[in-house]
mmCIF file of all heavy atoms, coordinates in Angstrom:
data_MODEL
# 
_entry.id   MODEL 
# 
loop_
_atom_site.group_PDB 
_atom_site.id 
_atom_site.type_symbol 
_atom_site.label_atom_id 
_atom_site.label_alt_id 
_atom_site.label_comp_id 
_atom_site.label_asym_id 
_atom_site.label_entity_id 
_atom_site.label_seq_id 
_atom_site.pdbx_PDB_ins_code 
_atom_site.Cartn_x 
_atom_site.Cartn_y 
_atom_site.Cartn_z 
_atom_site.occupancy 
_atom_site.B_iso_or_equiv 
_atom_site.pdbx_formal_charge 
_atom_site.auth_seq_id 
_atom_site.auth_comp_id 
_atom_site.auth_asym_id 
_atom_site.auth_atom_id 
_atom_site.pdbx_PDB_model_num 
ATOM 1   N N   . ALA A 1 1  ? 97.721  67.395 12.252 1.00 0.00 ? 1  ALA A N   1 
ATOM 2   C CA  . ALA A 1 1  ? 96.542  66.740 12.669 1.00 0.00 ? 1  ALA A CA  1 
ATOM 3   C C   . ALA A 1 1  ? 96.353  65.320 12.308 1.00 0.00 ? 1  ALA A C   1 
ATOM 4   O O   . ALA A 1 1  ? 95.913  64.441 13.058 1.00 0.00 ? 1  ALA A O   1 
ATOM 5   C CB  . ALA A 1 1  ? 95.341  67.554 11.970 1.00 0.00 ? 1  ALA A CB  1 
ATOM 6   N N   . GLN A 1 2  ? 96.996  64.949 11.254 1.00 0.00 ? 2  GLN A N   1 
ATOM 7   C CA  . GLN A 1 2  ? 96.895  63.514 10.767 1.00 0.00 ? 2  GLN A CA  1 
ATOM 8   C C   . GLN A 1 2  ? 97.908  62.709 11.487 1.00 0.00 ? 2  GLN A C   1 
ATOM 9   O O   . GLN A 1 2  ? 97.761  61.631 11.783 1.00 0.00 ? 2  GLN A O   1 
ATOM 10  C CB  . GLN A 1 2  ? 97.300  63.468 9.141  1.00 0.00 ? 2  GLN A CB  1 
ATOM 11  C CG  . GLN A 1 2  ? 96.283  64.099 8.272  1.00 0.00 ? 2  GLN A CG  1 
ATOM 12  C CD  . GLN A 1 2  ? 94.885  63.527 8.419  1.00 0.00 ? 2  GLN A CD  1 
ATOM 13  O OE1 . GLN A 1 2  ? 94.771  62.358 8.845  1.00 0.00 ? 2  GLN A OE1 1 
ATOM 14  N NE2 . GLN A 1 2  ? 93.836  64.267 8.279  1.00 0.00 ? 2  GLN A NE2 1 
ATOM 15  N N   . LEU A 1 3  ? 99.091  63.391 11.813 1.00 0.00 ? 3  LEU A N   1 
ATOM 16  C CA  . LEU A 1 3  ? 99.977  62.671 12.723 1.00 0.00 ? 3  LEU A CA  1 
ATOM 17  C C   . LEU A 1 3  ? 99.454  62.288 14.042 1.00 0.00 ? 3  LEU A C   1 
ATOM 18  O O   . LEU A 1 3  ? 99.634  61.257 14.629 1.00 0.00 ? 3  LEU A O   1 
ATOM 19  C CB  . LEU A 1 3  ? 101.278 63.505 12.934 1.00 0.00 ? 3  LEU A CB  1 
ATOM 20  C CG  . LEU A 1 3  ? 102.236 63.523 11.711 1.00 0.00 ? 3  LEU A CG  1 
ATOM 21  C CD1 . LEU A 1 3  ? 103.312 64.633 11.960 1.00 0.00 ? 3  LEU A CD1 1 
ATOM 22  C CD2 . LEU A 1 3  ? 102.976 62.321 11.524 1.00 0.00 ? 3  LEU A CD2 1 
ATOM 23  N N   . ALA A 1 4  ? 98.590  63.222 14.547 1.00 0.00 ? 4  ALA A N   1 
ATOM 24  C CA  . ALA A 1 4  ? 97.911  62.951 15.879 1.00 0.00 ? 4  ALA A CA  1 
ATOM 25  C C   . ALA A 1 4  ? 96.851  61.898 15.883 1.00 0.00 ? 4  ALA A C   1 
ATOM 26  O O   . ALA A 1 4  ? 96.624  61.253 16.883 1.00 0.00 ? 4  ALA A O   1 
ATOM 27  C CB  . ALA A 1 4  ? 97.274  64.337 16.390 1.00 0.00 ? 4  ALA A CB  1 
ATOM 28  N N   . LEU A 1 5  ? 96.334  61.633 14.723 1.00 0.00 ? 5  LEU A N   1 
ATOM 29  C CA  . LEU A 1 5  ? 95.275  60.599 14.609 1.00 0.00 ? 5  LEU A CA  1 
ATOM 30  C C   . LEU A 1 5  ? 95.734  59.233 14.578 1.00 0.00 ? 5  LEU A C   1 
ATOM 31  O O   . LEU A 1 5  ? 95.065  58.329 14.624 1.00 0.00 ? 5  LEU A O   1 
ATOM 32  C CB  . LEU A 1 5  ? 94.463  60.986 13.292 1.00 0.00 ? 5  LEU A CB  1 
ATOM 33  C CG  . LEU A 1 5  ? 93.538  62.169 13.402 1.00 0.00 ? 5  LEU A CG  1 
ATOM 34  C CD1 . LEU A 1 5  ? 92.833  62.298 12.179 1.00 0.00 ? 5  LEU A CD1 1 
ATOM 35  C CD2 . LEU A 1 5  ? 92.491  61.997 14.595 1.00 0.00 ? 5  LEU A CD2 1 
ATOM 36  N N   . SER A 1 6  ? 97.088  59.012 14.438 1.00 0.00 ? 6  SER A N   1 
ATOM 37  C CA  . SER A 1 6  ? 97.599  57.695 14.221 1.00 0.00 ? 6  SER A CA  1 
ATOM 38  C C   . SER A 1 6  ? 98.712  57.321 15.276 1.00 0.00 ? 6  SER A C   1 
ATOM 39  O O   . SER A 1 6  ? 99.912  57.431 15.067 1.00 0.00 ? 6  SER A O   1 
ATOM 40  C CB  . SER A 1 6  ? 98.145  57.459 12.788 1.00 0.00 ? 6  SER A CB  1 
ATOM 41  O OG  . SER A 1 6  ? 98.733  56.132 12.614 1.00 0.00 ? 6  SER A OG  1 
ATOM 42  N N   . PRO A 1 7  ? 98.279  57.078 16.456 1.00 0.00 ? 7  PRO A N   1 
ATOM 43  C CA  . PRO A 1 7  ? 99.255  56.761 17.606 1.00 0.00 ? 7  PRO A CA  1 
ATOM 44  C C   . PRO A 1 7  ? 99.880  55.464 17.343 1.00 0.00 ? 7  PRO A C   1 
ATOM 45  O O   . PRO A 1 7  ? 99.251  54.472 16.874 1.00 0.00 ? 7  PRO A O   1 
ATOM 46  C CB  . PRO A 1 7  ? 98.338  56.790 18.915 1.00 0.00 ? 7  PRO A CB  1 
ATOM 47  C CG  . PRO A 1 7  ? 97.001  56.474 18.381 1.00 0.00 ? 7  PRO A CG  1 
ATOM 48  C CD  . PRO A 1 7  ? 96.845  56.997 16.945 1.00 0.00 ? 7  PRO A CD  1 
ATOM 49  N N   . TRP A 1 8  ? 101.154 55.289 17.646 1.00 0.00 ? 8  TRP A N   1 
ATOM 50  C CA  . TRP A 1 8  ? 101.812 54.124 17.684 1.00 0.00 ? 8  TRP A CA  1 
ATOM 51  C C   . TRP A 1 8  ? 102.785 54.053 18.903 1.00 0.00 ? 8  TRP A C   1 
ATOM 52  O O   . TRP A 1 8  ? 103.342 55.078 19.289 1.00 0.00 ? 8  TRP A O   1 
ATOM 53  C CB  . TRP A 1 8  ? 102.612 53.856 16.325 1.00 0.00 ? 8  TRP A CB  1 
ATOM 54  C CG  . TRP A 1 8  ? 103.540 54.957 15.833 1.00 0.00 ? 8  TRP A CG  1 
ATOM 55  C CD1 . TRP A 1 8  ? 104.581 55.318 16.388 1.00 0.00 ? 8  TRP A CD1 1 
ATOM 56  C CD2 . TRP A 1 8  ? 103.128 55.794 14.753 1.00 0.00 ? 8  TRP A CD2 1 
ATOM 57  N NE1 . TRP A 1 8  ? 105.162 56.379 15.616 1.00 0.00 ? 8  TRP A NE1 1 
ATOM 58  C CE2 . TRP A 1 8  ? 104.178 56.616 14.678 1.00 0.00 ? 8  TRP A CE2 1 
ATOM 59  C CE3 . TRP A 1 8  ? 102.093 55.865 13.802 1.00 0.00 ? 8  TRP A CE3 1 
ATOM 60  C CZ2 . TRP A 1 8  ? 104.286 57.720 13.625 1.00 0.00 ? 8  TRP A CZ2 1 
ATOM 61  C CZ3 . TRP A 1 8  ? 102.173 56.980 12.906 1.00 0.00 ? 8  TRP A CZ3 1 
ATOM 62  C CH2 . TRP A 1 8  ? 103.275 57.654 12.850 1.00 0.00 ? 8  TRP A CH2 1 
ATOM 63  N N   . THR A 1 9  ? 103.184 52.811 19.236 1.00 0.00 ? 9  THR A N   1 
ATOM 64  C CA  . THR A 1 9  ? 104.149 52.602 20.294 1.00 0.00 ? 9  THR A CA  1 
ATOM 65  C C   . THR A 1 9  ? 105.268 51.776 19.649 1.00 0.00 ? 9  THR A C   1 
ATOM 66  O O   . THR A 1 9  ? 105.121 51.039 18.651 1.00 0.00 ? 9  THR A O   1 
ATOM 67  C CB  . THR A 1 9  ? 103.578 51.944 21.451 1.00 0.00 ? 9  THR A CB  1 
ATOM 68  O OG1 . THR A 1 9  ? 102.881 50.543 21.084 1.00 0.00 ? 9  THR A OG1 1 
ATOM 69  C CG2 . THR A 1 9  ? 102.447 52.752 22.004 1.00 0.00 ? 9  THR A CG2 1 
ATOM 70  N N   . ALA A 1 10 ? 106.376 51.760 20.301 1.00 0.00 ? 10 ALA A N   1 
ATOM 71  C CA  . ALA A 1 10 ? 107.573 51.043 19.822 1.00 0.00 ? 10 ALA A CA  1 
ATOM 72  C C   . ALA A 1 10 ? 107.692 49.737 20.630 1.00 0.00 ? 10 ALA A C   1 
ATOM 73  O O   . ALA A 1 10 ? 107.316 49.522 21.697 1.00 0.00 ? 10 ALA A O   1 
ATOM 74  C CB  . ALA A 1 10 ? 108.880 51.876 20.177 1.00 0.00 ? 10 ALA A CB  1 
ATOM 75  N N   . ARG A 1 11 ? 108.143 48.673 19.828 1.00 0.00 ? 11 ARG A N   1 
ATOM 76  C CA  . ARG A 1 11 ? 108.343 47.430 20.425 1.00 0.00 ? 11 ARG A CA  1 
ATOM 77  C C   . ARG A 1 11 ? 109.689 46.880 19.889 1.00 0.00 ? 11 ARG A C   1 
ATOM 78  O O   . ARG A 1 11 ? 109.881 46.896 18.752 1.00 0.00 ? 11 ARG A O   1 
ATOM 79  C CB  . ARG A 1 11 ? 107.177 46.477 20.006 1.00 0.00 ? 11 ARG A CB  1 
ATOM 80  C CG  . ARG A 1 11 ? 107.365 45.069 20.458 1.00 0.00 ? 11 ARG A CG  1 
ATOM 81  C CD  . ARG A 1 11 ? 106.046 44.359 20.367 1.00 0.00 ? 11 ARG A CD  1 
ATOM 82  N NE  . ARG A 1 11 ? 105.572 44.216 19.047 1.00 0.00 ? 11 ARG A NE  1 
ATOM 83  C CZ  . ARG A 1 11 ? 105.881 43.254 18.127 1.00 0.00 ? 11 ARG A CZ  1 
ATOM 84  N NH1 . ARG A 1 11 ? 106.586 42.302 18.658 1.00 0.00 ? 11 ARG A NH1 1 
ATOM 85  N NH2 . ARG A 1 11 ? 105.322 43.314 16.906 1.00 0.00 ? 11 ARG A NH2 1 
ATOM 86  N N   . ILE A 1 12 ? 110.468 46.423 20.798 1.00 0.00 ? 12 ILE A N   1 
ATOM 87  C CA  . ILE A 1 12 ? 111.817 45.799 20.513 1.00 0.00 ? 12 ILE A CA  1 
ATOM 88  C C   . ILE A 1 12 ? 111.700 44.311 20.248 1.00 0.00 ? 12 ILE A C   1 
ATOM 89  O O   . ILE A 1 12 ? 111.227 43.593 21.082 1.00 0.00 ? 12 ILE A O   1 
ATOM 90  C CB  . ILE A 1 12 ? 112.896 46.154 21.581 1.00 0.00 ? 12 ILE A CB  1 
ATOM 91  C CG1 . ILE A 1 12 ? 113.018 47.636 21.750 1.00 0.00 ? 12 ILE A CG1 1 
ATOM 92  C CG2 . ILE A 1 12 ? 114.263 45.554 21.281 1.00 0.00 ? 12 ILE A CG2 1 
ATOM 93  C CD1 . ILE A 1 12 ? 113.892 47.963 23.019 1.00 0.00 ? 12 ILE A CD1 1 
ATOM 94  N N   . VAL A 1 13 ? 112.170 43.918 19.090 1.00 0.00 ? 13 VAL A N   1 
ATOM 95  C CA  . VAL A 1 13 ? 112.128 42.485 18.707 1.00 0.00 ? 13 VAL A CA  1 
ATOM 96  C C   . VAL A 1 13 ? 113.550 42.048 18.640 1.00 0.00 ? 13 VAL A C   1 
ATOM 97  O O   . VAL A 1 13 ? 114.505 42.618 18.105 1.00 0.00 ? 13 VAL A O   1 
ATOM 98  C CB  . VAL A 1 13 ? 111.518 42.256 17.306 1.00 0.00 ? 13 VAL A CB  1 
ATOM 99  C CG1 . VAL A 1 13 ? 111.358 40.833 16.974 1.00 0.00 ? 13 VAL A CG1 1 
ATOM 100 C CG2 . VAL A 1 13 ? 109.993 42.776 17.493 1.00 0.00 ? 13 VAL A CG2 1 
ATOM 101 N N   . HIS A 1 14 ? 113.816 40.845 19.130 1.00 0.00 ? 14 HIS A N   1 
ATOM 102 C CA  . HIS A 1 14 ? 115.129 40.145 19.208 1.00 0.00 ? 14 HIS A CA  1 
ATOM 103 C C   . HIS A 1 14 ? 115.265 39.238 18.125 1.00 0.00 ? 14 HIS A C   1 
ATOM 104 O O   . HIS A 1 14 ? 114.336 38.357 17.895 1.00 0.00 ? 14 HIS A O   1 
ATOM 105 C CB  . HIS A 1 14 ? 115.486 39.448 20.514 1.00 0.00 ? 14 HIS A CB  1 
ATOM 106 C CG  . HIS A 1 14 ? 116.792 38.751 20.607 1.00 0.00 ? 14 HIS A CG  1 
ATOM 107 N ND1 . HIS A 1 14 ? 116.930 37.400 21.008 1.00 0.00 ? 14 HIS A ND1 1 
ATOM 108 C CD2 . HIS A 1 14 ? 117.926 39.281 20.431 1.00 0.00 ? 14 HIS A CD2 1 
ATOM 109 C CE1 . HIS A 1 14 ? 118.173 37.147 20.941 1.00 0.00 ? 14 HIS A CE1 1 
ATOM 110 N NE2 . HIS A 1 14 ? 118.763 38.262 20.531 1.00 0.00 ? 14 HIS A NE2 1 
ATOM 111 N N   . HIS A 1 15 ? 116.267 39.234 17.261 1.00 0.00 ? 15 HIS A N   1 
ATOM 112 C CA  . HIS A 1 15 ? 116.531 38.328 16.151 1.00 0.00 ? 15 HIS A CA  1 
ATOM 113 C C   . HIS A 1 15 ? 117.789 37.404 16.475 1.00 0.00 ? 15 HIS A C   1 
ATOM 114 O O   . HIS A 1 15 ? 118.923 37.923 16.311 1.00 0.00 ? 15 HIS A O   1 
ATOM 115 C CB  . HIS A 1 15 ? 116.721 39.098 14.873 1.00 0.00 ? 15 HIS A CB  1 
ATOM 116 C CG  . HIS A 1 15 ? 115.565 39.892 14.540 1.00 0.00 ? 15 HIS A CG  1 
ATOM 117 N ND1 . HIS A 1 15 ? 114.342 39.275 14.081 1.00 0.00 ? 15 HIS A ND1 1 
ATOM 118 C CD2 . HIS A 1 15 ? 115.251 41.177 14.442 1.00 0.00 ? 15 HIS A CD2 1 
ATOM 119 C CE1 . HIS A 1 15 ? 113.474 40.204 13.732 1.00 0.00 ? 15 HIS A CE1 1 
ATOM 120 N NE2 . HIS A 1 15 ? 113.974 41.430 14.007 1.00 0.00 ? 15 HIS A NE2 1 
ATOM 121 N N   . PRO A 1 16 ? 117.763 36.245 17.033 1.00 0.00 ? 16 PRO A N   1 
ATOM 122 C CA  . PRO A 1 16 ? 118.811 35.524 17.429 1.00 0.00 ? 16 PRO A CA  1 
ATOM 123 C C   . PRO A 1 16 ? 119.695 35.148 16.321 1.00 0.00 ? 16 PRO A C   1 
ATOM 124 O O   . PRO A 1 16 ? 120.909 34.872 16.506 1.00 0.00 ? 16 PRO A O   1 
ATOM 125 C CB  . PRO A 1 16 ? 118.247 34.245 18.028 1.00 0.00 ? 16 PRO A CB  1 
ATOM 126 C CG  . PRO A 1 16 ? 116.797 34.566 18.355 1.00 0.00 ? 16 PRO A CG  1 
ATOM 127 C CD  . PRO A 1 16 ? 116.459 35.631 17.304 1.00 0.00 ? 16 PRO A CD  1 
ATOM 128 N N   . ALA A 1 17 ? 119.267 35.079 15.145 1.00 0.00 ? 17 ALA A N   1 
ATOM 129 C CA  . ALA A 1 17 ? 120.107 34.592 13.996 1.00 0.00 ? 17 ALA A CA  1 
ATOM 130 C C   . ALA A 1 17 ? 121.040 35.738 13.490 1.00 0.00 ? 17 ALA A C   1 
ATOM 131 O O   . ALA A 1 17 ? 121.849 35.381 12.707 1.00 0.00 ? 17 ALA A O   1 
ATOM 132 C CB  . ALA A 1 17 ? 119.243 34.138 12.802 1.00 0.00 ? 17 ALA A CB  1 
ATOM 133 N N   . ASP A 1 18 ? 120.755 36.955 13.966 1.00 0.00 ? 18 ASP A N   1 
ATOM 134 C CA  . ASP A 1 18 ? 121.711 38.028 13.392 1.00 0.00 ? 18 ASP A CA  1 
ATOM 135 C C   . ASP A 1 18 ? 123.082 37.829 13.913 1.00 0.00 ? 18 ASP A C   1 
ATOM 136 O O   . ASP A 1 18 ? 123.474 37.145 14.820 1.00 0.00 ? 18 ASP A O   1 
ATOM 137 C CB  . ASP A 1 18 ? 121.144 39.448 13.811 1.00 0.00 ? 18 ASP A CB  1 
ATOM 138 C CG  . ASP A 1 18 ? 119.923 39.764 13.042 1.00 0.00 ? 18 ASP A CG  1 
ATOM 139 O OD1 . ASP A 1 18 ? 119.510 38.994 12.231 1.00 0.00 ? 18 ASP A OD1 1 
ATOM 140 O OD2 . ASP A 1 18 ? 119.304 40.881 13.413 1.00 0.00 ? 18 ASP A OD2 1 
ATOM 141 N N   . ALA A 1 19 ? 123.954 38.604 13.196 1.00 0.00 ? 19 ALA A N   1 
ATOM 142 C CA  . ALA A 1 19 ? 125.442 38.497 13.664 1.00 0.00 ? 19 ALA A CA  1 
ATOM 143 C C   . ALA A 1 19 ? 125.672 38.905 15.164 1.00 0.00 ? 19 ALA A C   1 
ATOM 144 O O   . ALA A 1 19 ? 124.947 39.808 15.605 1.00 0.00 ? 19 ALA A O   1 
ATOM 145 C CB  . ALA A 1 19 ? 126.262 39.493 12.733 1.00 0.00 ? 19 ALA A CB  1 
ATOM 146 N N   . GLY A 1 20 ? 126.654 38.294 15.737 1.00 0.00 ? 20 GLY A N   1 
ATOM 147 C CA  . GLY A 1 20 ? 126.938 38.627 16.978 1.00 0.00 ? 20 GLY A CA  1 
ATOM 148 C C   . GLY A 1 20 ? 126.461 37.476 18.000 1.00 0.00 ? 20 GLY A C   1 
ATOM 149 O O   . GLY A 1 20 ? 125.450 36.804 17.735 1.00 0.00 ? 20 GLY A O   1 
ATOM 150 N N   . ALA A 1 21 ? 127.189 37.389 19.111 1.00 0.00 ? 21 ALA A N   1 
ATOM 151 C CA  . ALA A 1 21 ? 126.972 36.348 20.097 1.00 0.00 ? 21 ALA A CA  1 
ATOM 152 C C   . ALA A 1 21 ? 125.444 36.353 20.624 1.00 0.00 ? 21 ALA A C   1 
ATOM 153 O O   . ALA A 1 21 ? 124.755 35.325 20.882 1.00 0.00 ? 21 ALA A O   1 
ATOM 154 C CB  . ALA A 1 21 ? 127.979 36.190 21.188 1.00 0.00 ? 21 ALA A CB  1 
ATOM 155 N N   . GLY A 1 22 ? 125.020 37.634 20.908 1.00 0.00 ? 22 GLY A N   1 
ATOM 156 C CA  . GLY A 1 22 ? 123.707 37.834 21.444 1.00 0.00 ? 22 GLY A CA  1 
ATOM 157 C C   . GLY A 1 22 ? 122.519 38.027 20.525 1.00 0.00 ? 22 GLY A C   1 
ATOM 158 O O   . GLY A 1 22 ? 121.393 38.242 20.903 1.00 0.00 ? 22 GLY A O   1 
ATOM 159 N N   . GLY A 1 23 ? 122.880 37.821 19.207 1.00 0.00 ? 23 GLY A N   1 
ATOM 160 C CA  . GLY A 1 23 ? 121.857 38.262 18.234 1.00 0.00 ? 23 GLY A CA  1 
ATOM 161 C C   . GLY A 1 23 ? 121.604 39.708 18.015 1.00 0.00 ? 23 GLY A C   1 
ATOM 162 O O   . GLY A 1 23 ? 122.489 40.588 18.543 1.00 0.00 ? 23 GLY A O   1 
ATOM 163 N N   . GLY A 1 24 ? 120.634 40.146 17.396 1.00 0.00 ? 24 GLY A N   1 
ATOM 164 C CA  . GLY A 1 24 ? 120.368 41.526 16.939 1.00 0.00 ? 24 GLY A CA  1 
ATOM 165 C C   . GLY A 1 24 ? 119.009 41.955 17.493 1.00 0.00 ? 24 GLY A C   1 
ATOM 166 O O   . GLY A 1 24 ? 118.160 41.073 17.829 1.00 0.00 ? 24 GLY A O   1 
ATOM 167 N N   . PHE A 1 25 ? 118.764 43.271 17.450 1.00 0.00 ? 25 PHE A N   1 
ATOM 168 C CA  . PHE A 1 25 ? 117.393 43.851 17.775 1.00 0.00 ? 25 PHE A CA  1 
ATOM 169 C C   . PHE A 1 25 ? 116.926 44.655 16.728 1.00 0.00 ? 25 PHE A C   1 
ATOM 170 O O   . PHE A 1 25 ? 117.702 45.335 15.989 1.00 0.00 ? 25 PHE A O   1 
ATOM 171 C CB  . PHE A 1 25 ? 117.665 44.515 19.200 1.00 0.00 ? 25 PHE A CB  1 
ATOM 172 C CG  . PHE A 1 25 ? 118.014 43.766 20.402 1.00 0.00 ? 25 PHE A CG  1 
ATOM 173 C CD1 . PHE A 1 25 ? 119.338 43.529 20.697 1.00 0.00 ? 25 PHE A CD1 1 
ATOM 174 C CD2 . PHE A 1 25 ? 117.044 43.137 21.128 1.00 0.00 ? 25 PHE A CD2 1 
ATOM 175 C CE1 . PHE A 1 25 ? 119.763 42.870 21.752 1.00 0.00 ? 25 PHE A CE1 1 
ATOM 176 C CE2 . PHE A 1 25 ? 117.448 42.308 22.211 1.00 0.00 ? 25 PHE A CE2 1 
ATOM 177 C CZ  . PHE A 1 25 ? 118.843 42.274 22.537 1.00 0.00 ? 25 PHE A CZ  1 
ATOM 178 N N   . GLU A 1 26 ? 115.692 44.787 16.794 1.00 0.00 ? 26 GLU A N   1 
ATOM 179 C CA  . GLU A 1 26 ? 114.870 45.714 15.717 1.00 0.00 ? 26 GLU A CA  1 
ATOM 180 C C   . GLU A 1 26 ? 113.757 46.379 16.492 1.00 0.00 ? 26 GLU A C   1 
ATOM 181 O O   . GLU A 1 26 ? 113.156 45.811 17.407 1.00 0.00 ? 26 GLU A O   1 
ATOM 182 C CB  . GLU A 1 26 ? 114.283 44.942 14.592 1.00 0.00 ? 26 GLU A CB  1 
ATOM 183 C CG  . GLU A 1 26 ? 113.641 45.707 13.527 1.00 0.00 ? 26 GLU A CG  1 
ATOM 184 C CD  . GLU A 1 26 ? 113.053 44.858 12.536 1.00 0.00 ? 26 GLU A CD  1 
ATOM 185 O OE1 . GLU A 1 26 ? 113.030 43.649 12.567 1.00 0.00 ? 26 GLU A OE1 1 
ATOM 186 O OE2 . GLU A 1 26 ? 112.560 45.431 11.493 1.00 0.00 ? 26 GLU A OE2 1 
ATOM 187 N N   . CYS A 1 27 ? 113.754 47.649 16.369 1.00 0.00 ? 27 CYS A N   1 
ATOM 188 C CA  . CYS A 1 27 ? 112.665 48.449 16.889 1.00 0.00 ? 27 CYS A CA  1 
ATOM 189 C C   . CYS A 1 27 ? 111.438 48.614 15.921 1.00 0.00 ? 27 CYS A C   1 
ATOM 190 O O   . CYS A 1 27 ? 111.673 49.181 14.810 1.00 0.00 ? 27 CYS A O   1 
ATOM 191 C CB  . CYS A 1 27 ? 113.181 49.902 17.294 1.00 0.00 ? 27 CYS A CB  1 
ATOM 192 S SG  . CYS A 1 27 ? 111.875 50.916 18.178 1.00 0.00 ? 27 CYS A SG  1 
ATOM 193 N N   . LEU A 1 28 ? 110.301 48.074 16.254 1.00 0.00 ? 28 LEU A N   1 
ATOM 194 C CA  . LEU A 1 28 ? 109.226 48.076 15.416 1.00 0.00 ? 28 LEU A CA  1 
ATOM 195 C C   . LEU A 1 28 ? 108.060 49.049 15.842 1.00 0.00 ? 28 LEU A C   1 
ATOM 196 O O   . LEU A 1 28 ? 107.900 49.205 17.094 1.00 0.00 ? 28 LEU A O   1 
ATOM 197 C CB  . LEU A 1 28 ? 108.569 46.763 15.218 1.00 0.00 ? 28 LEU A CB  1 
ATOM 198 C CG  . LEU A 1 28 ? 109.551 45.623 14.678 1.00 0.00 ? 28 LEU A CG  1 
ATOM 199 C CD1 . LEU A 1 28 ? 108.801 44.308 14.648 1.00 0.00 ? 28 LEU A CD1 1 
ATOM 200 C CD2 . LEU A 1 28 ? 109.938 45.920 13.247 1.00 0.00 ? 28 LEU A CD2 1 
# 
């Protein structure tokens, strides 16, 4: 019941400074 009361959605954030040519991603 408590889980159902707190809806959230996912958002992908790009971090250009992360390792790799294209940067890195984080799911928030």
